[in-house]
Amino acid sequence: MNSRLTYIKHIGIKVYTRPNGYKNNKVYNLYQCSCGNKKVLFKGSVESKAQNSTWSCGCIKKETLKKINETGRNIHRTHAGHPAHNKGKIGVTVEGVTKYVSYDDLVDLYTSKE
């Protein structure tokens, strides 16, 4: 999946100090998403090639959930205060059978078929 974010400008560096005294610098930049939204994000999460890196301002998630809901599937998450029996996964009910899948699996399922 390609990133929808375009670098605009450098915003600043925030210094975090850990309890052991080690200092960690985090660089923040302003990015514009292809949908038009602008967002300040941690540079490392945008430029990372890891699976959990940032690809958009949040519009990919919204589009994916909209597409899932249009298919008539029932999507639900655990409610705050309840034990996470599904370990952070999303319950998808199809024809009365509920399966728990990760958000990344849902994105792959609905974006790879286009």
PDB file of N, CA and C in Angstrom:
ATOM      1  N   MET A   1       0.846  -1.164   0.000  1.00  0.00           N
ATOM      2  CA  MET A   1       0.000   0.000   0.000  1.00  0.00           C
ATOM      3  C   MET A   1       0.901   1.239   0.000  1.00  0.00           C
ATOM      4  N   ASN A   2       0.570   2.205  -0.803  1.00  0.00           N
ATOM      5  CA  ASN A   2       1.358   3.431  -0.891  1.00  0.00           C
ATOM      6  C   ASN A   2       0.843   4.478   0.085  1.00  0.00           C
ATOM      7  N   SER A   3       1.779   5.274   0.584  1.00  0.00           N
ATOM      8  CA  SER A   3       1.423   6.338   1.505  1.00  0.00           C
ATOM      9  C   SER A   3       0.676   7.435   0.754  1.00  0.00           C
ATOM     10  N   ARG A   4      -0.327   7.994   1.404  1.00  0.00           N
ATOM     11  CA  ARG A   4      -1.068   9.113   0.830  1.00  0.00           C
ATOM     12  C   ARG A   4      -0.540  10.447   1.335  1.00  0.00           C
ATOM     13  N   LEU A   5       0.521  10.408   2.149  1.00  0.00           N
ATOM     14  CA  LEU A   5       1.023  11.612   2.787  1.00  0.00           C
ATOM     15  C   LEU A   5       2.148  12.254   1.994  1.00  0.00           C
ATOM     16  N   THR A   6       2.115  13.580   1.905  1.00  0.00           N
ATOM     17  CA  THR A   6       3.152  14.364   1.241  1.00  0.00           C
ATOM     18  C   THR A   6       3.737  15.331   2.262  1.00  0.00           C
ATOM     19  N   TYR A   7       5.061  15.330   2.364  1.00  0.00           N
ATOM     20  CA  TYR A   7       5.756  16.212   3.298  1.00  0.00           C
ATOM     21  C   TYR A   7       5.539  17.664   2.889  1.00  0.00           C
ATOM     22  N   ILE A   8       5.231  18.543   3.882  1.00  0.00           N
ATOM     23  CA  ILE A   8       5.085  19.973   3.620  1.00  0.00           C
ATOM     24  C   ILE A   8       6.224  20.746   4.271  1.00  0.00           C
ATOM     25  N   LYS A   9       6.357  20.601   5.613  1.00  0.00           N
ATOM     26  CA  LYS A   9       7.435  21.331   6.275  1.00  0.00           C
ATOM     27  C   LYS A   9       7.742  20.725   7.639  1.00  0.00           C
ATOM     28  N   HIS A  10       8.927  21.054   8.132  1.00  0.00           N
ATOM     29  CA  HIS A  10       9.381  20.623   9.446  1.00  0.00           C
ATOM     30  C   HIS A  10       8.682  21.463  10.519  1.00  0.00           C
ATOM     31  N   ILE A  11       8.177  20.813  11.560  1.00  0.00           N
ATOM     32  CA  ILE A  11       7.488  21.512  12.634  1.00  0.00           C
ATOM     33  C   ILE A  11       8.398  21.706  13.845  1.00  0.00           C
ATOM     34  N   GLY A  12       9.071  20.657  14.267  1.00  0.00           N
ATOM     35  CA  GLY A  12       9.932  20.793  15.440  1.00  0.00           C
ATOM     36  C   GLY A  12      10.396  19.453  15.965  1.00  0.00           C
ATOM     37  N   ILE A  13      11.201  19.530  17.032  1.00  0.00           N
ATOM     38  CA  ILE A  13      11.733  18.344  17.683  1.00  0.00           C
ATOM     39  C   ILE A  13      11.280  18.377  19.135  1.00  0.00           C
ATOM     40  N   LYS A  14      10.749  17.261  19.593  1.00  0.00           N
ATOM     41  CA  LYS A  14      10.339  17.153  20.988  1.00  0.00           C
ATOM     42  C   LYS A  14      11.297  16.190  21.677  1.00  0.00           C
ATOM     43  N   VAL A  15      11.835  16.601  22.819  1.00  0.00           N
ATOM     44  CA  VAL A  15      12.792  15.779  23.559  1.00  0.00           C
ATOM     45  C   VAL A  15      12.062  15.079  24.694  1.00  0.00           C
ATOM     46  N   TYR A  16      12.146  13.753  24.706  1.00  0.00           N
ATOM     47  CA  TYR A  16      11.564  12.946  25.767  1.00  0.00           C
ATOM     48  C   TYR A  16      12.697  12.428  26.639  1.00  0.00           C
ATOM     49  N   THR A  17      12.545  12.543  27.950  1.00  0.00           N
ATOM     50  CA  THR A  17      13.552  12.027  28.874  1.00  0.00           C
ATOM     51  C   THR A  17      12.974  10.821  29.597  1.00  0.00           C
ATOM     52  N   ARG A  18      13.664   9.708  29.473  1.00  0.00           N
ATOM     53  CA  ARG A  18      13.222   8.488  30.132  1.00  0.00           C
ATOM     54  C   ARG A  18      13.625   8.521  31.608  1.00  0.00           C
ATOM     55  N   PRO A  19      13.032   7.660  32.429  1.00  0.00           N
ATOM     56  CA  PRO A  19      13.381   7.632  33.858  1.00  0.00           C
ATOM     57  C   PRO A  19      14.867   7.351  34.123  1.00  0.00           C
ATOM     58  N   ASN A  20      15.525   6.646  33.210  1.00  0.00           N
ATOM     59  CA  ASN A  20      16.949   6.345  33.402  1.00  0.00           C
ATOM     60  C   ASN A  20      17.846   7.502  32.936  1.00  0.00           C
ATOM     61  N   GLY A  21      17.244   8.610  32.497  1.00  0.00           N
ATOM     62  CA  GLY A  21      18.009   9.781  32.089  1.00  0.00           C
ATOM     63  C   GLY A  21      18.300   9.858  30.597  1.00  0.00           C
ATOM     64  N   TYR A  22      18.028   8.784  29.869  1.00  0.00           N
ATOM     65  CA  TYR A  22      18.284   8.764  28.430  1.00  0.00           C
ATOM     66  C   TYR A  22      17.309   9.719  27.735  1.00  0.00           C
ATOM     67  N   LYS A  23      17.837  10.540  26.840  1.00  0.00           N
ATOM     68  CA  LYS A  23      16.994  11.494  26.115  1.00  0.00           C
ATOM     69  C   LYS A  23      16.754  10.993  24.697  1.00  0.00           C
ATOM     70  N   ASN A  24      15.528  11.136  24.259  1.00  0.00           N
ATOM     71  CA  ASN A  24      15.122  10.661  22.940  1.00  0.00           C
ATOM     72  C   ASN A  24      14.500  11.834  22.188  1.00  0.00           C
ATOM     73  N   ASN A  25      15.006  12.139  21.009  1.00  0.00           N
ATOM     74  CA  ASN A  25      14.470  13.223  20.187  1.00  0.00           C
ATOM     75  C   ASN A  25      13.482  12.662  19.171  1.00  0.00           C
ATOM     76  N   LYS A  26      12.331  13.287  19.072  1.00  0.00           N
ATOM     77  CA  LYS A  26      11.341  12.885  18.068  1.00  0.00           C
ATOM     78  C   LYS A  26      11.078  14.077  17.167  1.00  0.00           C
ATOM     79  N   VAL A  27      11.208  13.851  15.865  1.00  0.00           N
ATOM     80  CA  VAL A  27      11.024  14.898  14.868  1.00  0.00           C
ATOM     81  C   VAL A  27       9.581  14.864  14.380  1.00  0.00           C
ATOM     82  N   TYR A  28       8.932  16.035  14.367  1.00  0.00           N
ATOM     83  CA  TYR A  28       7.551  16.149  13.892  1.00  0.00           C
ATOM     84  C   TYR A  28       7.510  17.038  12.656  1.00  0.00           C
ATOM     85  N   ASN A  29       6.752  16.579  11.659  1.00  0.00           N
ATOM     86  CA  ASN A  29       6.604  17.309  10.401  1.00  0.00           C
ATOM     87  C   ASN A  29       5.127  17.481  10.072  1.00  0.00           C
ATOM     88  N   LEU A  30       4.855  18.448   9.219  1.00  0.00           N
ATOM     89  CA  LEU A  30       3.501  18.662   8.715  1.00  0.00           C
ATOM     90  C   LEU A  30       3.375  17.928   7.386  1.00  0.00           C
ATOM     91  N   TYR A  31       2.322  17.126   7.263  1.00  0.00           N
ATOM     92  CA  TYR A  31       2.077  16.358   6.035  1.00  0.00           C
ATOM     93  C   TYR A  31       0.689  16.700   5.511  1.00  0.00           C
ATOM     94  N   GLN A  32       0.524  16.583   4.199  1.00  0.00           N
ATOM     95  CA  GLN A  32      -0.797  16.736   3.588  1.00  0.00           C
ATOM     96  C   GLN A  32      -1.187  15.400   2.991  1.00  0.00           C
ATOM     97  N   CYS A  33      -2.397  14.977   3.320  1.00  0.00           N
ATOM     98  CA  CYS A  33      -2.923  13.721   2.800  1.00  0.00           C
ATOM     99  C   CYS A  33      -3.537  13.969   1.425  1.00  0.00           C
ATOM    100  N   SER A  34      -3.625  12.938   0.622  1.00  0.00           N
ATOM    101  CA  SER A  34      -4.210  13.087  -0.720  1.00  0.00           C
ATOM    102  C   SER A  34      -5.688  13.462  -0.658  1.00  0.00           C
ATOM    103  N   CYS A  35      -6.338  13.265   0.501  1.00  0.00           N
ATOM    104  CA  CYS A  35      -7.743  13.656   0.646  1.00  0.00           C
ATOM    105  C   CYS A  35      -7.881  15.142   0.960  1.00  0.00           C
ATOM    106  N   GLY A  36      -6.745  15.823   1.223  1.00  0.00           N
ATOM    107  CA  GLY A  36      -6.771  17.259   1.477  1.00  0.00           C
ATOM    108  C   GLY A  36      -6.489  17.659   2.914  1.00  0.00           C
ATOM    109  N   ASN A  37      -6.591  16.726   3.862  1.00  0.00           N
ATOM    110  CA  ASN A  37      -6.336  17.042   5.264  1.00  0.00           C
ATOM    111  C   ASN A  37      -4.846  17.246   5.520  1.00  0.00           C
ATOM    112  N   LYS A  38      -4.530  18.148   6.446  1.00  0.00           N
ATOM    113  CA  LYS A  38      -3.156  18.355   6.877  1.00  0.00           C
ATOM    114  C   LYS A  38      -3.031  17.854   8.304  1.00  0.00           C
ATOM    115  N   LYS A  39      -1.882  17.227   8.612  1.00  0.00           N
ATOM    116  CA  LYS A  39      -1.712  16.653   9.930  1.00  0.00           C
ATOM    117  C   LYS A  39      -0.244  16.679  10.329  1.00  0.00           C
ATOM    118  N   VAL A  40       0.021  16.995  11.609  1.00  0.00           N
ATOM    119  CA  VAL A  40       1.375  16.946  12.152  1.00  0.00           C
ATOM    120  C   VAL A  40       1.594  15.539  12.682  1.00  0.00           C
ATOM    121  N   LEU A  41       2.644  14.880  12.177  1.00  0.00           N
ATOM    122  CA  LEU A  41       2.908  13.492  12.533  1.00  0.00           C
ATOM    123  C   LEU A  41       4.376  13.277  12.870  1.00  0.00           C
ATOM    124  N   PHE A  42       4.642  12.238  13.644  1.00  0.00           N
ATOM    125  CA  PHE A  42       5.999  11.826  13.967  1.00  0.00           C
ATOM    126  C   PHE A  42       6.668  11.296  12.694  1.00  0.00           C
ATOM    127  N   LYS A  43       7.795  11.875  12.341  1.00  0.00           N
ATOM    128  CA  LYS A  43       8.491  11.534  11.092  1.00  0.00           C
ATOM    129  C   LYS A  43       8.794  10.039  10.999  1.00  0.00           C
ATOM    130  N   GLY A  44       9.196   9.436  12.108  1.00  0.00           N
ATOM    131  CA  GLY A  44       9.553   8.026  12.109  1.00  0.00           C
ATOM    132  C   GLY A  44       8.401   7.111  11.746  1.00  0.00           C
ATOM    133  N   SER A  45       7.185   7.467  12.137  1.00  0.00           N
ATOM    134  CA  SER A  45       6.039   6.607  11.824  1.00  0.00           C
ATOM    135  C   SER A  45       5.613   6.732  10.368  1.00  0.00           C
ATOM    136  N   VAL A  46       5.885   7.868   9.744  1.00  0.00           N
ATOM    137  CA  VAL A  46       5.507   8.066   8.343  1.00  0.00           C
ATOM    138  C   VAL A  46       6.532   7.418   7.417  1.00  0.00           C
ATOM    139  N   GLU A  47       7.808   7.555   7.744  1.00  0.00           N
ATOM    140  CA  GLU A  47       8.864   7.044   6.862  1.00  0.00           C
ATOM    141  C   GLU A  47       9.185   5.576   7.089  1.00  0.00           C
ATOM    142  N   SER A  48       8.629   4.971   8.128  1.00  0.00           N
ATOM    143  CA  SER A  48       8.885   3.579   8.436  1.00  0.00           C
ATOM    144  C   SER A  48       8.264   2.676   7.375  1.00  0.00           C
ATOM    145  N   LYS A  49       8.926   1.581   7.089  1.00  0.00           N
ATOM    146  CA  LYS A  49       8.389   0.592   6.150  1.00  0.00           C
ATOM    147  C   LYS A  49       7.681  -0.534   6.895  1.00  0.00           C
ATOM    148  N   ALA A  50       7.564  -0.393   8.220  1.00  0.00           N
ATOM    149  CA  ALA A  50       6.920  -1.416   9.040  1.00  0.00           C
ATOM    150  C   ALA A  50       5.426  -1.465   8.768  1.00  0.00           C
ATOM    151  N   GLN A  51       4.821  -2.559   9.162  1.00  0.00           N
ATOM    152  CA  GLN A  51       3.397  -2.767   8.925  1.00  0.00           C
ATOM    153  C   GLN A  51       2.547  -1.746   9.683  1.00  0.00           C
ATOM    154  N   ASN A  52       3.000  -1.314  10.853  1.00  0.00           N
ATOM    155  CA  ASN A  52       2.208  -0.395  11.664  1.00  0.00           C
ATOM    156  C   ASN A  52       2.557   1.066  11.423  1.00  0.00           C
ATOM    157  N   SER A  53       3.161   1.385  10.288  1.00  0.00           N
ATOM    158  CA  SER A  53       3.516   2.769   9.990  1.00  0.00           C
ATOM    159  C   SER A  53       2.268   3.561   9.580  1.00  0.00           C
ATOM    160  N   THR A  54       2.417   4.883   9.506  1.00  0.00           N
ATOM    161  CA  THR A  54       1.293   5.764   9.185  1.00  0.00           C
ATOM    162  C   THR A  54       1.222   5.963   7.671  1.00  0.00           C
ATOM    163  N   TRP A  55       0.050   5.682   7.094  1.00  0.00           N
ATOM    164  CA  TRP A  55      -0.124   5.766   5.639  1.00  0.00           C
ATOM    165  C   TRP A  55      -0.989   6.950   5.216  1.00  0.00           C
ATOM    166  N   SER A  56      -1.824   7.439   6.143  1.00  0.00           N
ATOM    167  CA  SER A  56      -2.743   8.521   5.787  1.00  0.00           C
ATOM    168  C   SER A  56      -3.128   9.303   7.041  1.00  0.00           C
ATOM    169  N   CYS A  57      -3.991  10.280   6.858  1.00  0.00           N
ATOM    170  CA  CYS A  57      -4.467  11.088   7.985  1.00  0.00           C
ATOM    171  C   CYS A  57      -5.514  10.340   8.798  1.00  0.00           C
ATOM    172  N   GLY A  58      -5.919   9.189   8.356  1.00  0.00           N
ATOM    173  CA  GLY A  58      -6.987   8.412   8.974  1.00  0.00           C
ATOM    174  C   GLY A  58      -8.083   8.087   7.987  1.00  0.00           C
ATOM    175  N   CYS A  59      -7.957   8.636   6.772  1.00  0.00           N
ATOM    176  CA  CYS A  59      -9.001   8.440   5.767  1.00  0.00           C
ATOM    177  C   CYS A  59      -9.046   6.996   5.253  1.00  0.00           C
ATOM    178  N   ILE A  60      -7.914   6.287   5.258  1.00  0.00           N
ATOM    179  CA  ILE A  60      -7.919   4.890   4.806  1.00  0.00           C
ATOM    180  C   ILE A  60      -8.796   4.060   5.735  1.00  0.00           C
ATOM    181  N   LYS A  61      -8.658   4.273   7.036  1.00  0.00           N
ATOM    182  CA  LYS A  61      -9.470   3.538   8.003  1.00  0.00           C
ATOM    183  C   LYS A  61     -10.951   3.837   7.805  1.00  0.00           C
ATOM    184  N   LYS A  62     -11.286   5.115   7.631  1.00  0.00           N
ATOM    185  CA  LYS A  62     -12.685   5.495   7.429  1.00  0.00           C
ATOM    186  C   LYS A  62     -13.250   4.855   6.163  1.00  0.00           C
ATOM    187  N   GLU A  63     -12.474   4.895   5.068  1.00  0.00           N
ATOM    188  CA  GLU A  63     -12.935   4.316   3.802  1.00  0.00           C
ATOM    189  C   GLU A  63     -13.122   2.807   3.919  1.00  0.00           C
ATOM    190  N   THR A  64     -12.197   2.148   4.608  1.00  0.00           N
ATOM    191  CA  THR A  64     -12.274   0.697   4.757  1.00  0.00           C
ATOM    192  C   THR A  64     -13.496   0.307   5.579  1.00  0.00           C
ATOM    193  N   LEU A  65     -13.714   0.993   6.696  1.00  0.00           N
ATOM    194  CA  LEU A  65     -14.876   0.676   7.518  1.00  0.00           C
ATOM    195  C   LEU A  65     -16.181   0.978   6.790  1.00  0.00           C
ATOM    196  N   LYS A  66     -16.192   2.047   5.991  1.00  0.00           N
ATOM    197  CA  LYS A  66     -17.386   2.358   5.203  1.00  0.00           C
ATOM    198  C   LYS A  66     -17.656   1.246   4.190  1.00  0.00           C
ATOM    199  N   LYS A  67     -16.598   0.775   3.551  1.00  0.00           N
ATOM    200  CA  LYS A  67     -16.745  -0.293   2.560  1.00  0.00           C
ATOM    201  C   LYS A  67     -17.241  -1.577   3.222  1.00  0.00           C
ATOM    202  N   ILE A  68     -16.722  -1.859   4.423  1.00  0.00           N
ATOM    203  CA  ILE A  68     -17.156  -3.053   5.153  1.00  0.00           C
ATOM    204  C   ILE A  68     -18.625  -2.928   5.523  1.00  0.00           C
ATOM    205  N   ASN A  69     -19.035  -1.766   6.022  1.00  0.00           N
ATOM    206  CA  ASN A  69     -20.427  -1.567   6.412  1.00  0.00           C
ATOM    207  C   ASN A  69     -21.368  -1.638   5.222  1.00  0.00           C
ATOM    208  N   GLU A  70     -20.921  -1.209   4.042  1.00  0.00           N
ATOM    209  CA  GLU A  70     -21.758  -1.275   2.843  1.00  0.00           C
ATOM    210  C   GLU A  70     -22.011  -2.708   2.400  1.00  0.00           C
ATOM    211  N   THR A  71     -21.138  -3.627   2.806  1.00  0.00           N
ATOM    212  CA  THR A  71     -21.323  -5.031   2.433  1.00  0.00           C
ATOM    213  C   THR A  71     -22.326  -5.721   3.334  1.00  0.00           C
ATOM    214  N   GLY A  72     -22.811  -4.998   4.376  1.00  0.00           N
ATOM    215  CA  GLY A  72     -23.821  -5.564   5.256  1.00  0.00           C
ATOM    216  C   GLY A  72     -23.257  -6.395   6.379  1.00  0.00           C
ATOM    217  N   ARG A  73     -21.971  -6.292   6.622  1.00  0.00           N
ATOM    218  CA  ARG A  73     -21.384  -7.083   7.696  1.00  0.00           C
ATOM    219  C   ARG A  73     -21.471  -6.310   9.008  1.00  0.00           C
ATOM    220  N   ASN A  74     -21.634  -7.023  10.087  1.00  0.00           N
ATOM    221  CA  ASN A  74     -21.765  -6.416  11.403  1.00  0.00           C
ATOM    222  C   ASN A  74     -20.372  -6.327  12.035  1.00  0.00           C
ATOM    223  N   ILE A  75     -19.889  -5.099  12.258  1.00  0.00           N
ATOM    224  CA  ILE A  75     -18.578  -4.882  12.847  1.00  0.00           C
ATOM    225  C   ILE A  75     -18.766  -4.390  14.274  1.00  0.00           C
ATOM    226  N   HIS A  76     -18.049  -4.998  15.215  1.00  0.00           N
ATOM    227  CA  HIS A  76     -18.112  -4.509  16.588  1.00  0.00           C
ATOM    228  C   HIS A  76     -16.756  -4.659  17.264  1.00  0.00           C
ATOM    229  N   ARG A  77     -16.526  -3.815  18.259  1.00  0.00           N
ATOM    230  CA  ARG A  77     -15.294  -3.851  19.045  1.00  0.00           C
ATOM    231  C   ARG A  77     -15.677  -4.050  20.506  1.00  0.00           C
ATOM    232  N   THR A  78     -14.672  -4.374  21.343  1.00  0.00           N
ATOM    233  CA  THR A  78     -14.953  -4.491  22.764  1.00  0.00           C
ATOM    234  C   THR A  78     -15.274  -3.109  23.317  1.00  0.00           C
ATOM    235  N   HIS A  79     -16.124  -3.048  24.306  1.00  0.00           N
ATOM    236  CA  HIS A  79     -16.493  -1.787  24.931  1.00  0.00           C
ATOM    237  C   HIS A  79     -15.526  -1.474  26.064  1.00  0.00           C
ATOM    238  N   ALA A  80     -15.334  -0.193  26.343  1.00  0.00           N
ATOM    239  CA  ALA A  80     -14.436   0.226  27.417  1.00  0.00           C
ATOM    240  C   ALA A  80     -14.906  -0.371  28.739  1.00  0.00           C
ATOM    241  N   GLY A  81     -13.973  -0.857  29.529  1.00  0.00           N
ATOM    242  CA  GLY A  81     -14.306  -1.426  30.824  1.00  0.00           C
ATOM    243  C   GLY A  81     -14.570  -2.917  30.795  1.00  0.00           C
ATOM    244  N   HIS A  82     -14.703  -3.487  29.633  1.00  0.00           N
ATOM    245  CA  HIS A  82     -14.913  -4.919  29.507  1.00  0.00           C
ATOM    246  C   HIS A  82     -13.600  -5.604  29.164  1.00  0.00           C
ATOM    247  N   PRO A  83     -13.438  -6.845  29.574  1.00  0.00           N
ATOM    248  CA  PRO A  83     -12.189  -7.531  29.240  1.00  0.00           C
ATOM    249  C   PRO A  83     -12.049  -7.704  27.735  1.00  0.00           C
ATOM    250  N   ALA A  84     -10.830  -7.609  27.259  1.00  0.00           N
ATOM    251  CA  ALA A  84     -10.575  -7.720  25.822  1.00  0.00           C
ATOM    252  C   ALA A  84     -10.430  -9.192  25.451  1.00  0.00           C
ATOM    253  N   HIS A  85     -11.555  -9.890  25.385  1.00  0.00           N
ATOM    254  CA  HIS A  85     -11.527 -11.316  25.069  1.00  0.00           C
ATOM    255  C   HIS A  85     -11.044 -11.569  23.644  1.00  0.00           C
ATOM    256  N   ASN A  86     -11.130 -10.563  22.807  1.00  0.00           N
ATOM    257  CA  ASN A  86     -10.718 -10.723  21.415  1.00  0.00           C
ATOM    258  C   ASN A  86      -9.318 -10.176  21.165  1.00  0.00           C
ATOM    259  N   LYS A  87      -8.623  -9.746  22.217  1.00  0.00           N
ATOM    260  CA  LYS A  87      -7.241  -9.268  22.148  1.00  0.00           C
ATOM    261  C   LYS A  87      -7.045  -8.159  21.117  1.00  0.00           C
ATOM    262  N   GLY A  88      -7.987  -7.184  21.090  1.00  0.00           N
ATOM    263  CA  GLY A  88      -7.849  -6.026  20.226  1.00  0.00           C
ATOM    264  C   GLY A  88      -8.274  -6.243  18.791  1.00  0.00           C
ATOM    265  N   LYS A  89      -8.829  -7.388  18.499  1.00  0.00           N
ATOM    266  CA  LYS A  89      -9.255  -7.655  17.125  1.00  0.00           C
ATOM    267  C   LYS A  89     -10.695  -7.200  16.929  1.00  0.00           C
ATOM    268  N   ILE A  90     -11.112  -7.135  15.684  1.00  0.00           N
ATOM    269  CA  ILE A  90     -12.444  -6.660  15.331  1.00  0.00           C
ATOM    270  C   ILE A  90     -13.313  -7.872  15.012  1.00  0.00           C
ATOM    271  N   GLY A  91     -14.494  -7.893  15.610  1.00  0.00           N
ATOM    272  CA  GLY A  91     -15.415  -8.983  15.345  1.00  0.00           C
ATOM    273  C   GLY A  91     -16.204  -8.720  14.079  1.00  0.00           C
ATOM    274  N   VAL A  92     -16.178  -9.668  13.158  1.00  0.00           N
ATOM    275  CA  VAL A  92     -16.933  -9.555  11.912  1.00  0.00           C
ATOM    276  C   VAL A  92     -17.924 -10.706  11.885  1.00  0.00           C
ATOM    277  N   THR A  93     -19.217 -10.383  11.803  1.00  0.00           N
ATOM    278  CA  THR A  93     -20.247 -11.414  11.775  1.00  0.00           C
ATOM    279  C   THR A  93     -20.774 -11.562  10.355  1.00  0.00           C
ATOM    280  N   VAL A  94     -20.625 -12.749   9.809  1.00  0.00           N
ATOM    281  CA  VAL A  94     -21.108 -13.059   8.468  1.00  0.00           C
ATOM    282  C   VAL A  94     -21.986 -14.296   8.578  1.00  0.00           C
ATOM    283  N   GLU A  95     -23.234 -14.163   8.182  1.00  0.00           N
ATOM    284  CA  GLU A  95     -24.206 -15.247   8.213  1.00  0.00           C
ATOM    285  C   GLU A  95     -24.278 -15.905   9.590  1.00  0.00           C
ATOM    286  N   GLY A  96     -24.273 -15.081  10.642  1.00  0.00           N
ATOM    287  CA  GLY A  96     -24.428 -15.576  12.003  1.00  0.00           C
ATOM    288  C   GLY A  96     -23.164 -16.106  12.661  1.00  0.00           C
ATOM    289  N   VAL A  97     -22.055 -16.132  11.957  1.00  0.00           N
ATOM    290  CA  VAL A  97     -20.793 -16.631  12.509  1.00  0.00           C
ATOM    291  C   VAL A  97     -19.849 -15.452  12.714  1.00  0.00           C
ATOM    292  N   THR A  98     -19.344 -15.286  13.951  1.00  0.00           N
ATOM    293  CA  THR A  98     -18.438 -14.187  14.263  1.00  0.00           C
ATOM    294  C   THR A  98     -16.994 -14.676  14.249  1.00  0.00           C
ATOM    295  N   LYS A  99     -16.174 -13.961  13.515  1.00  0.00           N
ATOM    296  CA  LYS A  99     -14.737 -14.228  13.485  1.00  0.00           C
ATOM    297  C   LYS A  99     -14.034 -12.955  13.910  1.00  0.00           C
ATOM    298  N   TYR A 100     -12.900 -13.088  14.600  1.00  0.00           N
ATOM    299  CA  TYR A 100     -12.129 -11.940  15.054  1.00  0.00           C
ATOM    300  C   TYR A 100     -10.877 -11.808  14.204  1.00  0.00           C
ATOM    301  N   VAL A 101     -10.732 -10.650  13.580  1.00  0.00           N
ATOM    302  CA  VAL A 101      -9.579 -10.388  12.708  1.00  0.00           C
ATOM    303  C   VAL A 101      -8.959  -9.054  13.098  1.00  0.00           C
ATOM    304  N   SER A 102      -7.685  -8.886  12.771  1.00  0.00           N
ATOM    305  CA  SER A 102      -7.022  -7.619  13.076  1.00  0.00           C
ATOM    306  C   SER A 102      -7.447  -6.568  12.050  1.00  0.00           C
ATOM    307  N   TYR A 103      -7.247  -5.306  12.406  1.00  0.00           N
ATOM    308  CA  TYR A 103      -7.582  -4.219  11.494  1.00  0.00           C
ATOM    309  C   TYR A 103      -6.773  -4.331  10.204  1.00  0.00           C
ATOM    310  N   ASP A 104      -5.492  -4.701  10.312  1.00  0.00           N
ATOM    311  CA  ASP A 104      -4.645  -4.841   9.126  1.00  0.00           C
ATOM    312  C   ASP A 104      -5.170  -5.924   8.193  1.00  0.00           C
ATOM    313  N   ASP A 105      -5.701  -7.020   8.773  1.00  0.00           N
ATOM    314  CA  ASP A 105      -6.286  -8.074   7.942  1.00  0.00           C
ATOM    315  C   ASP A 105      -7.507  -7.556   7.181  1.00  0.00           C
ATOM    316  N   LEU A 106      -8.314  -6.707   7.851  1.00  0.00           N
ATOM    317  CA  LEU A 106      -9.476  -6.128   7.172  1.00  0.00           C
ATOM    318  C   LEU A 106      -9.049  -5.216   6.027  1.00  0.00           C
ATOM    319  N   VAL A 107      -8.031  -4.402   6.278  1.00  0.00           N
ATOM    320  CA  VAL A 107      -7.540  -3.490   5.236  1.00  0.00           C
ATOM    321  C   VAL A 107      -7.034  -4.314   4.056  1.00  0.00           C
ATOM    322  N   ASP A 108      -6.235  -5.342   4.327  1.00  0.00           N
ATOM    323  CA  ASP A 108      -5.710  -6.181   3.242  1.00  0.00           C
ATOM    324  C   ASP A 108      -6.844  -6.863   2.485  1.00  0.00           C
ATOM    325  N   LEU A 109      -7.829  -7.330   3.202  1.00  0.00           N
ATOM    326  CA  LEU A 109      -8.946  -8.031   2.579  1.00  0.00           C
ATOM    327  C   LEU A 109      -9.725  -7.136   1.616  1.00  0.00           C
ATOM    328  N   TYR A 110      -9.966  -5.889   2.029  1.00  0.00           N
ATOM    329  CA  TYR A 110     -10.809  -5.013   1.234  1.00  0.00           C
ATOM    330  C   TYR A 110     -10.055  -4.110   0.270  1.00  0.00           C
ATOM    331  N   THR A 111      -8.748  -3.990   0.403  1.00  0.00           N
ATOM    332  CA  THR A 111      -8.015  -3.141  -0.525  1.00  0.00           C
ATOM    333  C   THR A 111      -7.248  -3.939  -1.554  1.00  0.00           C
ATOM    334  N   SER A 112      -6.972  -5.204  -1.301  1.00  0.00           N
ATOM    335  CA  SER A 112      -6.186  -5.990  -2.252  1.00  0.00           C
ATOM    336  C   SER A 112      -7.018  -6.474  -3.438  1.00  0.00           C
ATOM    337  N   LYS A 113      -8.342  -6.422  -3.339  1.00  0.00           N
ATOM    338  CA  LYS A 113      -9.198  -6.915  -4.415  1.00  0.00           C
ATOM    339  C   LYS A 113      -9.578  -5.843  -5.415  1.00  0.00           C
ATOM    340  N   GLU A 114      -9.040  -4.651  -5.267  1.00  0.00           N
ATOM    341  CA  GLU A 114      -9.393  -3.552  -6.181  1.00  0.00           C
ATOM    342  C   GLU A 114      -8.503  -3.565  -7.400  1.00  0.00           C
TER     343      GLU A 114
END
